[in-house]
Amino acid sequence: MTLLTFPKNFVWGTATASYQIEGYPLADGAGPSIWHRFSHTPGNIRGGHNADLACEHYRRYPEDIALMKSLGIQGYRMSAAWPRVLPEGMGRINEAGLDFYDRLIDALLKADITPYVTLYHWDLPSDLQDMGGWANPAIADWFTEYASVMFERLGDRVKNWITLNEPSVVMDRGHVFGQHAPGMRDIWAALRVAHNQLVAHGRAVRAFRASGADGEIGIALNLHPQHAATDSEEDRICAIRTDAYYNRLFMDPIFKGEYPAEALDWFGEAWPNIGPGDLDEISTHIDFLGVNYYFPQVVAHRAGQGALHSEVLRQPAPTRTSAGRSALKGSTMRCGPYRPSTAILRCSSLKTARPSTTTRTQTVWWQTMPDSTTSAPSRRSAPRHLRRRQSPGLFPVDAHGQLRVGIRVRCSLWHNQRGLHNPEANGQEIRAMVRRRYQSQRRDQRLTGTRCHM
């Protein structure tokens, strides 16, 4: 078996999202988010669960940072909760919310953990949703106002910024399928949401440059290579169409300054009006592209099925042989696991991206999820509290390859206890700390008679 090695300056990291872990979403003057509303609406979430308590990161972040430090974590990708900073989404600043992120950043730096701050990981202030949310073009200004507050307050210490996390999920799961907040099912609104997110991204990047803050800024996209289920012309065109929707709808405007023709043709009159200068703003130069890479997809044309007339086909899972190699039982996969660089190139915007008008280097970060074909340790090896909290991380290392436009490729891998373990840390002590937290949470629930902690 080939030994997996990493460069000396590889940054091992972990990542979270504010609503997933912070808890206490309305504490100290914070406003409600669309996810707070969505999770408190009966029938939306299995079991009626919500993130009122979550991992209590808002109250117990010093313990969390101690855990990270004991595991040898070097970088922490976090997100800020927009309604914790601006309760109404714009205007009045909640100083208590900003103070929390001040303390969190200072504590991370004191522990020698580099913060990577995502400005938006899906928790839009509810007041803005009442005004149309991401479907309202004015949101580009609302988001830039929020971003500018963050740059001014934390820019002296935070050197790595991500504008948006996975805008395609906000568009698709939040506004087409209605499975995520705000729970809409409107393809017309969804396409406007996609465009307005990209305009907000570009405008925030320009605000970052104008602020004079020292550091880098980019965006995190989840890219899924699309494969035709068969060699038929219908399936081939379907794969091109789904690639345009899930990948190039966001890659092309950022790197080429245009939307994919396949998307424009397919959606026709549902396509939003593009304002003058919008594409120039969207394609404002970024320092890196963060890639959350989960899996490829095999698609087949199915007339009348969904907005794309397509069906995603499940593929047989490979099994591990005694020699440590992947094997398939019974049938052949249409696609296999990719190196992330291959996945990026299949989502082909970067192949023909416009040359940068600046001398700054664009960098692609990628993140991979483990599967049965990799030699990385399993997620099961992580302690239980980390299993709940793991999510993709985007942390830089030396270049591993060159793309055609000279964009350096950087990579990161999913972390786990074995990969990050610090031999000097006492494993029993870590487990005891986690156990104490769990017992404390249970005790709080019994005392209050509810799981809602504000």
Protein backbone atom coordinates (compact mmCIF):
# COMPACT_ATOMS: atom_id res chain seq x y z
CA MET A 1 0.00 0.00 0.00
CA THR A 2 1.31 3.45 -0.93
CA LEU A 3 2.11 5.60 2.08
CA LEU A 4 0.18 8.87 2.10
CA THR A 5 2.52 11.76 2.92
CA PHE A 6 1.99 15.50 3.21
CA PRO A 7 4.23 18.55 2.76
CA LYS A 8 5.81 19.96 5.89
CA ASN A 9 3.69 23.10 5.73
CA PHE A 10 0.39 21.26 5.20
CA VAL A 11 -2.21 22.87 7.46
CA TRP A 12 -4.35 20.36 9.35
CA GLY A 13 -7.68 21.89 10.17
CA THR A 14 -11.30 21.51 11.12
CA ALA A 15 -14.39 23.44 10.08
CA THR A 16 -17.79 24.33 11.48
CA ALA A 17 -20.76 26.58 10.77
CA SER A 18 -22.22 29.03 13.26
CA TYR A 19 -25.78 27.71 13.46
CA GLN A 20 -24.55 24.11 13.62
CA ILE A 21 -22.45 24.56 16.75
CA GLU A 22 -22.87 27.88 18.55
CA GLY A 23 -26.22 27.39 20.26
CA TYR A 24 -28.01 30.24 22.07
CA PRO A 25 -29.01 31.83 18.73
CA LEU A 26 -30.96 34.69 20.35
CA ALA A 27 -28.58 35.37 23.22
CA ASP A 28 -27.27 38.84 24.07
CA GLY A 29 -29.34 40.76 21.55
CA ALA A 30 -28.90 38.54 18.48
CA GLY A 31 -31.70 38.39 15.94
CA PRO A 32 -33.34 35.24 14.55
CA SER A 33 -32.03 33.64 11.37
CA ILE A 34 -33.96 31.82 8.66
CA TRP A 35 -32.59 28.55 10.04
CA HIS A 36 -33.92 29.40 13.50
CA ARG A 37 -37.36 29.96 11.99
CA PHE A 38 -37.12 26.92 9.74
CA SER A 39 -36.10 24.55 12.51
CA HIS A 40 -38.81 25.88 14.83
CA THR A 41 -41.53 25.29 12.23
CA PRO A 42 -43.23 21.94 12.99
CA GLY A 43 -42.70 19.33 10.33
CA ASN A 44 -39.52 20.80 8.82
CA ILE A 45 -36.94 18.88 10.86
CA ARG A 46 -37.15 15.23 11.79
CA GLY A 47 -37.87 14.84 15.49
CA GLY A 48 -38.46 18.57 15.87
CA HIS A 49 -34.77 19.18 16.52
CA ASN A 50 -33.20 22.64 16.42
CA ALA A 51 -29.90 24.31 17.22
CA ASP A 52 -30.95 26.21 20.33
CA LEU A 53 -28.35 24.29 22.30
CA ALA A 54 -26.22 22.56 19.65
CA CYS A 55 -22.64 22.20 20.92
CA GLU A 56 -22.84 25.29 23.15
CA HIS A 57 -19.86 26.78 21.39
CA TYR A 58 -21.14 30.28 22.19
CA ARG A 59 -20.66 29.63 25.92
CA ARG A 60 -17.95 26.96 25.89
CA TYR A 61 -15.59 27.98 23.12
CA PRO A 62 -12.55 27.99 25.46
CA GLU A 63 -13.05 24.25 26.03
CA ASP A 64 -13.49 23.71 22.29
CA ILE A 65 -10.27 25.52 21.53
CA ALA A 66 -8.49 23.48 24.19
CA LEU A 67 -9.73 20.33 22.46
CA MET A 68 -8.54 21.59 19.09
CA LYS A 69 -5.14 22.48 20.46
CA SER A 70 -4.79 19.08 22.14
CA LEU A 71 -5.53 17.41 18.78
CA GLY A 72 -2.81 19.40 17.03
CA ILE A 73 -5.21 21.40 14.86
CA GLN A 74 -3.48 24.28 13.10
CA GLY A 75 -6.36 25.98 11.29
CA TYR A 76 -10.02 26.50 12.13
CA ARG A 77 -12.56 27.40 9.48
CA MET A 78 -15.51 29.00 11.25
CA SER A 79 -18.44 31.10 10.17
CA ALA A 80 -19.92 34.20 11.74
CA ALA A 81 -23.66 34.47 12.33
CA TRP A 82 -24.90 37.50 10.42
CA PRO A 83 -27.89 38.10 12.78
CA ARG A 84 -25.61 37.89 15.81
CA VAL A 85 -23.68 40.88 14.44
CA LEU A 86 -26.54 42.80 12.77
CA PRO A 87 -29.82 41.60 14.35
CA GLU A 88 -31.97 43.21 11.65
CA GLY A 89 -29.46 42.36 8.92
CA MET A 90 -28.33 45.95 8.47
CA GLY A 91 -28.09 49.17 10.45
CA ARG A 92 -27.83 48.59 14.19
CA ILE A 93 -24.70 46.68 15.29
CA ASN A 94 -24.99 44.26 18.19
CA GLU A 95 -21.77 44.91 20.09
CA ALA A 96 -22.23 41.83 22.27
CA GLY A 97 -22.25 39.64 19.16
CA LEU A 98 -19.13 41.26 17.76
CA ASP A 99 -17.46 40.94 21.15
CA PHE A 100 -18.03 37.17 21.00
CA TYR A 101 -16.15 36.89 17.71
CA ASP A 102 -13.47 39.20 19.08
CA ARG A 103 -12.89 36.87 22.01
CA LEU A 104 -13.07 33.77 19.83
CA ILE A 105 -10.45 35.06 17.36
CA ASP A 106 -8.14 36.17 20.17
CA ALA A 107 -8.43 32.78 21.88
CA LEU A 108 -7.67 30.93 18.63
CA LEU A 109 -4.59 33.02 17.97
CA LYS A 110 -3.41 32.55 21.54
CA ALA A 111 -3.65 28.79 20.96
CA ASP A 112 -1.63 29.14 17.70
CA ILE A 113 -4.68 28.18 15.60
CA THR A 114 -5.17 30.21 12.43
CA PRO A 115 -8.78 31.40 11.91
CA TYR A 116 -10.42 31.12 8.48
CA VAL A 117 -13.65 33.13 8.65
CA THR A 118 -16.66 32.41 6.44
CA LEU A 119 -18.98 35.39 6.32
CA TYR A 120 -22.10 33.50 5.27
CA HIS A 121 -22.92 29.87 6.00
CA TRP A 122 -26.68 30.00 5.40
CA ASP A 123 -28.02 31.80 8.50
CA LEU A 124 -29.60 34.85 6.86
CA PRO A 125 -31.27 37.34 9.27
CA SER A 126 -35.03 36.71 9.25
CA ASP A 127 -35.81 40.39 8.83
CA LEU A 128 -34.02 40.36 5.49
CA GLN A 129 -35.93 37.28 4.40
CA ASP A 130 -39.12 39.22 5.09
CA MET A 131 -37.88 41.70 2.48
CA GLY A 132 -37.23 39.01 -0.11
CA GLY A 133 -33.96 37.60 1.18
CA TRP A 134 -31.48 36.52 -1.46
CA ALA A 135 -34.11 37.02 -4.18
CA ASN A 136 -34.01 40.79 -3.56
CA PRO A 137 -31.19 42.52 -5.53
CA ALA A 138 -30.71 44.94 -2.62
CA ILE A 139 -29.15 42.12 -0.63
CA ALA A 140 -25.81 42.72 -2.32
CA ASP A 141 -25.62 46.02 -0.43
CA TRP A 142 -26.93 44.46 2.79
CA PHE A 143 -24.27 41.74 2.66
CA THR A 144 -21.51 44.23 1.85
CA GLU A 145 -22.51 46.34 4.87
CA TYR A 146 -22.26 43.27 7.10
CA ALA A 147 -18.96 42.18 5.53
CA SER A 148 -17.49 45.66 6.01
CA VAL A 149 -18.36 45.58 9.72
CA MET A 150 -16.51 42.27 10.02
CA PHE A 151 -13.48 43.48 8.05
CA GLU A 152 -13.21 46.60 10.20
CA ARG A 153 -13.55 44.76 13.50
CA LEU A 154 -11.52 41.59 12.83
CA GLY A 155 -9.36 42.47 9.83
CA ASP A 156 -6.33 43.27 11.96
CA ARG A 157 -6.19 39.62 13.08
CA VAL A 158 -8.09 37.53 10.51
CA LYS A 159 -6.07 37.04 7.33
CA ASN A 160 -8.25 34.49 5.55
CA TRP A 161 -11.83 35.29 4.51
CA ILE A 162 -14.49 33.31 2.65
CA THR A 163 -17.47 35.29 1.39
CA LEU A 164 -20.06 32.53 0.86
CA ASN A 165 -20.20 28.84 1.57
CA GLU A 166 -21.78 26.68 -1.15
CA PRO A 167 -24.15 29.21 -2.77
CA SER A 168 -25.50 26.43 -5.00
CA VAL A 169 -27.00 24.75 -1.91
CA VAL A 170 -28.70 27.99 -0.88
CA MET A 171 -30.16 28.22 -4.38
CA ASP A 172 -31.10 24.56 -4.89
CA ARG A 173 -31.94 23.11 -1.46
CA GLY A 174 -33.29 26.34 -0.05
CA HIS A 175 -35.30 27.66 -3.01
CA VAL A 176 -35.94 24.77 -5.45
CA PHE A 177 -36.48 21.70 -3.26
CA GLY A 178 -37.38 23.56 -0.06
CA GLN A 179 -35.37 21.16 2.10
CA HIS A 180 -33.26 23.92 3.66
CA ALA A 181 -34.18 27.33 5.00
CA PRO A 182 -36.08 29.33 3.89
CA GLY A 183 -37.98 26.31 2.54
CA MET A 184 -39.10 27.73 -0.81
CA ARG A 185 -39.90 25.81 -4.02
CA ASP A 186 -39.66 28.43 -6.77
CA ILE A 187 -37.19 28.03 -9.63
CA TRP A 188 -37.76 31.64 -10.71
CA ALA A 189 -36.74 32.90 -7.27
CA ALA A 190 -33.90 30.35 -7.07
CA LEU A 191 -32.16 31.70 -10.18
CA ARG A 192 -32.36 35.22 -8.78
CA VAL A 193 -30.94 33.91 -5.52
CA ALA A 194 -27.97 32.44 -7.41
CA HIS A 195 -27.26 35.70 -9.24
CA ASN A 196 -27.72 37.96 -6.22
CA GLN A 197 -25.39 35.78 -4.12
CA LEU A 198 -22.69 36.13 -6.75
CA VAL A 199 -23.13 39.91 -6.98
CA ALA A 200 -22.94 40.12 -3.18
CA HIS A 201 -19.78 38.03 -3.25
CA GLY A 202 -18.09 40.29 -5.80
CA ARG A 203 -19.14 43.46 -4.03
CA ALA A 204 -17.84 42.15 -0.70
CA VAL A 205 -14.49 41.28 -2.31
CA ARG A 206 -14.24 44.86 -3.55
CA ALA A 207 -15.12 46.15 -0.08
CA PHE A 208 -12.35 43.99 1.35
CA ARG A 209 -9.83 45.47 -1.08
CA ALA A 210 -11.07 49.00 -0.32
CA SER A 211 -10.76 48.43 3.43
CA GLY A 212 -7.01 48.04 3.14
CA ALA A 213 -7.15 44.90 5.29
CA ASP A 214 -4.16 42.60 4.97
CA GLY A 215 -5.07 39.06 3.94
CA GLU A 216 -6.78 36.94 1.31
CA ILE A 217 -10.40 36.47 0.30
CA GLY A 218 -12.24 33.92 -1.80
CA ILE A 219 -15.37 31.77 -2.00
CA ALA A 220 -16.16 28.12 -1.20
CA LEU A 221 -18.05 26.10 -3.84
CA ASN A 222 -19.15 22.48 -3.73
CA LEU A 223 -18.33 20.94 -7.12
CA HIS A 224 -19.80 17.66 -8.35
CA PRO A 225 -18.47 16.22 -11.63
CA GLN A 226 -21.47 15.05 -13.68
CA HIS A 227 -21.41 11.80 -15.70
CA ALA A 228 -23.92 10.51 -18.23
CA ALA A 229 -25.52 7.23 -17.13
CA THR A 230 -25.30 5.81 -20.66
CA ASP A 231 -23.76 6.75 -23.98
CA SER A 232 -27.09 7.96 -25.32
CA GLU A 233 -27.34 11.50 -26.64
CA GLU A 234 -30.10 12.34 -24.15
CA ASP A 235 -27.99 11.31 -21.16
CA ARG A 236 -24.93 13.08 -22.52
CA ILE A 237 -26.82 16.36 -22.90
CA CYS A 238 -28.38 15.83 -19.47
CA ALA A 239 -24.91 15.58 -17.89
CA ILE A 240 -23.87 18.81 -19.61
CA ARG A 241 -27.05 20.48 -18.37
CA THR A 242 -26.62 19.37 -14.76
CA ASP A 243 -22.96 20.42 -14.82
CA ALA A 244 -24.03 23.87 -16.01
CA TYR A 245 -26.57 24.09 -13.18
CA TYR A 246 -24.60 22.76 -10.23
CA ASN A 247 -21.05 23.80 -11.16
CA ARG A 248 -20.61 26.27 -13.99
CA LEU A 249 -23.54 28.44 -12.93
CA PHE A 250 -21.15 29.69 -10.23
CA MET A 251 -17.71 28.98 -11.69
CA ASP A 252 -18.25 30.66 -15.07
CA PRO A 253 -19.37 34.09 -13.79
CA ILE A 254 -16.52 34.21 -11.27
CA PHE A 255 -13.74 33.10 -13.60
CA LYS A 256 -15.06 33.93 -17.08
CA GLY A 257 -17.44 36.81 -16.46
CA GLU A 258 -20.38 35.04 -18.11
CA TYR A 259 -23.09 32.49 -17.39
CA PRO A 260 -23.05 29.08 -19.12
CA ALA A 261 -25.06 29.11 -22.35
CA GLU A 262 -26.70 25.79 -21.45
CA ALA A 263 -28.29 27.33 -18.34
CA LEU A 264 -29.48 30.40 -20.22
CA ASP A 265 -31.07 28.25 -22.94
CA TRP A 266 -32.63 25.75 -20.54
CA PHE A 267 -34.30 28.18 -18.12
CA GLY A 268 -35.38 30.69 -20.76
CA GLU A 269 -37.77 33.33 -19.44
CA ALA A 270 -37.15 32.25 -15.84
CA TRP A 271 -33.63 33.65 -16.13
CA PRO A 272 -33.24 36.91 -14.15
CA ASN A 273 -32.31 40.23 -15.69
CA ILE A 274 -28.58 40.86 -15.37
CA GLY A 275 -27.87 44.42 -14.34
CA PRO A 276 -25.19 46.52 -16.04
CA GLY A 277 -21.87 45.89 -14.36
CA ASP A 278 -23.11 42.81 -12.47
CA LEU A 279 -20.79 40.37 -14.24
CA ASP A 280 -17.83 42.70 -13.78
CA GLU A 281 -18.51 42.77 -10.06
CA ILE A 282 -18.98 39.01 -9.87
CA SER A 283 -15.68 38.36 -11.66
CA THR A 284 -13.70 40.63 -9.33
CA HIS A 285 -10.35 38.93 -8.73
CA ILE A 286 -10.22 36.53 -5.77
CA ASP A 287 -7.19 35.09 -4.03
CA PHE A 288 -8.41 31.51 -3.86
CA LEU A 289 -11.24 29.19 -4.74
CA GLY A 290 -12.28 26.87 -1.93
CA VAL A 291 -13.63 23.56 -3.22
CA ASN A 292 -15.79 21.38 -1.00
CA TYR A 293 -15.57 18.10 -2.87
CA TYR A 294 -17.93 15.33 -1.78
CA PHE A 295 -18.67 13.04 -4.71
CA PRO A 296 -19.32 12.86 -8.47
CA GLN A 297 -22.82 12.20 -9.81
CA VAL A 298 -24.16 9.89 -12.51
CA VAL A 299 -27.26 11.34 -14.17
CA ALA A 300 -29.85 10.11 -16.64
CA HIS A 301 -32.38 12.06 -18.66
CA ARG A 302 -35.90 11.71 -17.27
CA ALA A 303 -38.50 13.87 -19.01
CA GLY A 304 -40.57 15.85 -16.52
CA GLN A 305 -38.47 14.93 -13.48
CA GLY A 306 -37.45 18.05 -11.62
CA ALA A 307 -36.31 21.35 -13.04
CA LEU A 308 -33.48 19.65 -14.95
CA HIS A 309 -35.41 16.59 -16.21
CA SER A 310 -32.73 14.40 -14.70
CA GLU A 311 -32.31 11.57 -12.22
CA VAL A 312 -29.23 10.94 -10.09
CA LEU A 313 -28.41 7.23 -10.14
CA ARG A 314 -26.84 5.53 -7.18
CA GLN A 315 -23.64 3.66 -7.95
CA PRO A 316 -22.43 0.38 -6.42
CA ALA A 317 -20.09 0.91 -3.50
CA PRO A 318 -16.53 -0.37 -3.98
CA THR A 319 -15.22 -2.86 -1.44
CA ARG A 320 -11.75 -3.15 0.03
CA THR A 321 -9.75 -6.22 -1.02
CA SER A 322 -7.16 -8.00 1.10
CA ALA A 323 -4.48 -6.14 -0.86
CA GLY A 324 -6.02 -2.82 0.16
CA ARG A 325 -7.33 -2.04 -3.34
CA SER A 326 -10.82 -1.09 -4.41
CA ALA A 327 -13.00 -3.65 -6.14
CA LEU A 328 -16.59 -3.74 -7.37
CA LYS A 329 -19.03 -6.57 -6.97
CA GLY A 330 -21.53 -7.37 -9.68
CA SER A 331 -21.40 -4.31 -11.89
CA THR A 332 -19.21 -1.49 -13.14
CA MET A 333 -19.35 2.09 -11.96
CA ARG A 334 -19.79 4.81 -14.54
CA CYS A 335 -17.33 6.89 -12.56
CA GLY A 336 -14.84 6.36 -9.81
CA PRO A 337 -13.20 8.42 -7.10
CA TYR A 338 -11.27 11.44 -8.35
CA ARG A 339 -8.22 13.27 -7.32
CA PRO A 340 -9.69 16.67 -6.46
CA SER A 341 -7.63 18.34 -9.21
CA THR A 342 -9.38 16.11 -11.78
CA ALA A 343 -12.76 16.97 -10.32
CA ILE A 344 -11.98 20.68 -10.58
CA LEU A 345 -10.95 20.36 -14.21
CA ARG A 346 -14.09 18.41 -15.10
CA CYS A 347 -16.06 21.41 -13.81
CA SER A 348 -14.44 23.13 -16.71
CA SER A 349 -14.68 26.89 -16.11
CA LEU A 350 -11.03 27.08 -15.07
CA LYS A 351 -9.87 25.65 -18.40
CA THR A 352 -10.92 28.77 -20.25
CA ALA A 353 -10.94 31.36 -17.48
CA ARG A 354 -10.15 34.92 -18.42
CA PRO A 355 -6.56 35.92 -17.63
CA SER A 356 -6.32 37.84 -14.41
CA THR A 357 -5.88 41.59 -14.77
CA THR A 358 -3.78 41.70 -11.62
CA THR A 359 -0.52 40.12 -10.62
CA ARG A 360 -1.97 38.46 -7.55
CA THR A 361 -1.90 34.66 -7.59
CA GLN A 362 -5.22 32.86 -7.64
CA THR A 363 -5.21 29.73 -5.54
CA VAL A 364 -7.56 26.79 -5.51
CA TRP A 365 -8.04 25.05 -2.18
CA TRP A 366 -9.73 21.70 -2.22
CA GLN A 367 -11.17 19.47 0.44
CA THR A 368 -12.04 15.82 0.07
CA MET A 369 -14.38 13.56 1.96
CA PRO A 370 -13.17 10.06 2.88
CA ASP A 371 -14.65 7.05 1.17
CA SER A 372 -13.90 3.36 0.97
CA THR A 373 -11.36 3.92 -1.78
CA THR A 374 -9.05 6.19 0.19
CA SER A 375 -6.35 5.23 2.63
CA ALA A 376 -7.22 8.07 5.00
CA PRO A 377 -8.49 6.93 8.42
CA SER A 378 -12.24 6.54 8.83
CA ARG A 379 -14.50 9.17 10.40
CA ARG A 380 -15.42 6.47 12.90
CA SER A 381 -12.02 6.86 14.50
CA ALA A 382 -12.96 10.35 15.70
CA PRO A 383 -14.43 10.83 19.17
CA ARG A 384 -18.22 11.03 19.26
CA HIS A 385 -18.40 14.78 19.90
CA LEU A 386 -16.29 15.44 16.80
CA ARG A 387 -18.38 13.14 14.62
CA ARG A 388 -21.32 15.49 15.13
CA ARG A 389 -19.29 18.55 14.32
CA GLN A 390 -17.05 17.57 11.44
CA SER A 391 -17.56 19.41 8.20
CA PRO A 392 -15.29 20.19 5.26
CA GLY A 393 -12.17 22.25 5.91
CA LEU A 394 -10.25 24.34 3.40
CA PHE A 395 -6.67 24.88 4.48
CA PRO A 396 -3.68 25.64 2.24
CA VAL A 397 -0.48 23.75 1.50
CA ASP A 398 2.14 23.95 -1.23
CA ALA A 399 1.01 23.70 -4.84
CA HIS A 400 0.48 20.17 -6.14
CA GLY A 401 -0.18 21.00 -9.79
CA GLN A 402 -0.89 23.63 -12.41
CA LEU A 403 -4.17 24.41 -14.12
CA ARG A 404 -4.16 25.79 -17.62
CA VAL A 405 -4.61 29.38 -16.53
CA GLY A 406 -1.78 29.17 -14.05
CA ILE A 407 -3.98 28.87 -10.98
CA ARG A 408 -2.10 26.99 -8.30
CA VAL A 409 -3.87 24.05 -6.76
CA ARG A 410 -3.79 23.56 -3.02
CA CYS A 411 -5.42 20.75 -1.13
CA SER A 412 -6.58 19.65 2.28
CA LEU A 413 -7.94 16.41 3.68
CA TRP A 414 -10.71 15.58 6.08
CA HIS A 415 -9.35 15.56 9.58
CA ASN A 416 -9.81 12.85 12.16
CA GLN A 417 -8.54 12.01 15.58
CA ARG A 418 -5.81 9.66 14.39
CA GLY A 419 -4.54 12.08 11.74
CA LEU A 420 -4.46 15.07 14.07
CA HIS A 421 -3.58 13.34 17.31
CA ASN A 422 -0.88 15.01 19.34
CA PRO A 423 1.16 12.20 20.95
CA GLU A 424 1.74 14.41 23.98
CA ALA A 425 -1.99 14.85 24.64
CA ASN A 426 -3.66 12.67 27.21
CA GLY A 427 -6.48 10.82 25.46
CA GLN A 428 -8.23 9.95 28.72
CA GLU A 429 -8.23 13.60 29.71
CA ILE A 430 -9.89 14.57 26.41
CA ARG A 431 -12.56 11.91 26.80
CA ALA A 432 -13.21 13.04 30.36
CA MET A 433 -13.67 16.62 29.17
CA VAL A 434 -16.18 15.52 26.54
CA ARG A 435 -18.01 13.38 29.09
CA ARG A 436 -18.28 16.29 31.51
CA ARG A 437 -19.76 18.49 28.78
CA TYR A 438 -22.34 15.84 27.85
CA GLN A 439 -23.35 15.35 31.47
CA SER A 440 -23.63 19.10 31.96
CA GLN A 441 -25.90 19.41 28.94
CA ARG A 442 -28.16 16.63 30.20
CA ARG A 443 -28.29 18.25 33.64
CA ASP A 444 -29.24 21.62 32.09
CA GLN A 445 -32.03 19.95 30.13
CA ARG A 446 -33.44 18.30 33.24
CA LEU A 447 -33.33 21.53 35.23
CA THR A 448 -34.98 23.68 32.57
CA GLY A 449 -37.38 21.01 31.31
CA THR A 450 -36.62 22.07 27.74
CA ARG A 451 -33.93 21.80 25.09
CA CYS A 452 -34.33 25.44 24.12
CA HIS A 453 -31.47 27.54 25.53
CA MET A 454 -31.58 31.19 24.45
